[in-house]
Amino acid sequence: MSNTQAKPDARRDKFRAALEKLWPVAKGSLTWTRKTCGKPKTCKKCLSGEKHPSLIFTYRKDGRLHCRNVRPGQEATMRKALENGRALERLLVEQGEELLRSLRD
């Protein structure tokens, strides 16, 4: 195996090892909002204007903005996935920089 092939293999192995630690992964954001419930005419919170807190996951797909409700038990997992997603983006930038550096050598 030549020395030029050993470097890409080492970078690939390093990337794969880092990638395995980044699960679950997601890209988007979480936002707390307030919504009316299914009984807005009889619910005290909705009638008072207070409404009900709701956590929303917002993301882009095919250039369009999408929003999905996040259940209370899913919040910690979603926050971890978003944190991992940001780490993955940083990792991809680093890989691009390393690739360009290796191509110039």
Protein backbone atom coordinates (compact mmCIF):
# COMPACT_ATOMS: atom_id res chain seq x y z
CA MET A 1 0.00 0.00 0.00
CA SER A 2 1.41 3.38 -0.95
CA ASN A 3 1.81 6.26 1.50
CA THR A 4 -0.70 8.38 -0.46
CA GLN A 5 -3.38 5.74 0.04
CA ALA A 6 -2.62 5.26 3.76
CA LYS A 7 -3.51 8.87 4.61
CA PRO A 8 -7.02 8.79 3.07
CA ASP A 9 -7.67 5.42 4.74
CA ALA A 10 -6.62 6.83 8.13
CA ARG A 11 -8.83 9.91 7.63
CA ARG A 12 -11.76 7.69 6.60
CA ASP A 13 -11.32 5.49 9.69
CA LYS A 14 -11.09 8.55 11.94
CA PHE A 15 -14.25 10.01 10.34
CA ARG A 16 -16.17 6.74 10.73
CA ALA A 17 -15.17 6.47 14.39
CA ALA A 18 -16.35 10.04 15.06
CA LEU A 19 -19.54 9.45 13.08
CA GLU A 20 -20.53 6.39 15.12
CA LYS A 21 -20.64 8.53 18.28
CA LEU A 22 -23.09 11.01 16.71
CA TRP A 23 -26.38 9.15 17.03
CA PRO A 24 -29.19 10.18 17.09
CA VAL A 25 -28.72 13.05 14.65
CA ALA A 26 -31.03 15.78 13.32
CA LYS A 27 -30.87 19.22 11.73
CA GLY A 28 -33.37 21.89 12.65
CA SER A 29 -34.46 23.69 15.79
CA LEU A 30 -36.77 23.35 18.79
CA THR A 31 -39.11 26.16 19.79
CA TRP A 32 -41.63 26.53 22.58
CA THR A 33 -44.97 27.95 21.43
CA ARG A 34 -48.48 28.21 22.87
CA LYS A 35 -51.48 26.66 21.12
CA THR A 36 -55.18 26.26 21.61
CA CYS A 37 -56.38 22.77 22.43
CA GLY A 38 -59.22 20.75 20.92
CA LYS A 39 -61.74 22.42 23.25
CA PRO A 40 -61.00 26.15 22.86
CA LYS A 41 -64.56 27.18 23.85
CA THR A 42 -64.57 25.32 27.19
CA CYS A 43 -60.89 25.23 28.19
CA LYS A 44 -60.02 27.81 30.86
CA LYS A 45 -56.46 28.27 29.58
CA CYS A 46 -57.61 28.82 26.01
CA LEU A 47 -60.45 31.15 27.03
CA SER A 48 -58.09 33.26 29.13
CA GLY A 49 -55.65 33.52 26.20
CA GLU A 50 -52.90 31.66 28.09
CA LYS A 51 -53.15 28.56 25.82
CA HIS A 52 -51.07 25.39 26.20
CA PRO A 53 -47.26 25.14 25.86
CA SER A 54 -46.09 23.08 22.90
CA LEU A 55 -42.59 22.15 21.76
CA ILE A 56 -42.12 22.31 17.97
CA PHE A 57 -39.32 20.78 15.86
CA THR A 58 -38.76 22.96 12.79
CA TYR A 59 -36.68 21.82 9.81
CA ARG A 60 -36.25 22.36 6.07
CA LYS A 61 -36.84 19.62 3.51
CA ASP A 62 -36.67 20.15 -0.25
CA GLY A 63 -36.50 23.91 0.33
CA ARG A 64 -39.73 23.99 2.36
CA LEU A 65 -40.14 24.67 6.07
CA HIS A 66 -41.79 21.90 8.12
CA CYS A 67 -42.89 21.81 11.75
CA ARG A 68 -43.72 18.82 13.94
CA ASN A 69 -44.90 18.57 17.53
CA VAL A 70 -42.47 17.01 20.01
CA ARG A 71 -44.01 15.04 22.86
CA PRO A 72 -42.73 15.72 26.38
CA GLY A 73 -40.88 12.39 26.60
CA GLN A 74 -39.09 13.07 23.29
CA GLU A 75 -37.53 16.43 24.18
CA ALA A 76 -34.23 15.15 25.59
CA THR A 77 -33.66 12.84 22.60
CA MET A 78 -34.42 15.63 20.14
CA ARG A 79 -32.07 18.04 21.92
CA LYS A 80 -29.29 15.43 21.81
CA ALA A 81 -29.98 14.78 18.11
CA LEU A 82 -29.74 18.50 17.30
CA GLU A 83 -26.50 18.81 19.30
CA ASN A 84 -25.10 15.82 17.39
CA GLY A 85 -26.27 17.37 14.11
CA ARG A 86 -24.27 20.53 14.82
CA ALA A 87 -21.24 18.40 15.71
CA LEU A 88 -21.65 16.48 12.43
CA GLU A 89 -21.69 19.74 10.46
CA ARG A 90 -18.44 20.81 12.19
CA LEU A 91 -16.94 17.40 11.42
CA LEU A 92 -17.87 17.70 7.73
CA VAL A 93 -16.22 21.13 7.52
CA GLU A 94 -13.06 19.72 9.11
CA GLN A 95 -13.07 16.83 6.62
CA GLY A 96 -13.39 19.27 3.72
CA GLU A 97 -10.46 21.31 5.00
CA GLU A 98 -8.32 18.19 5.46
CA LEU A 99 -9.22 16.93 1.99
CA LEU A 100 -8.25 20.20 0.35
CA ARG A 101 -4.99 20.28 2.32
CA SER A 102 -4.16 16.72 1.21
CA LEU A 103 -4.95 17.51 -2.43
CA ARG A 104 -2.55 20.45 -2.34
CA ASP A 105 0.30 18.38 -0.88
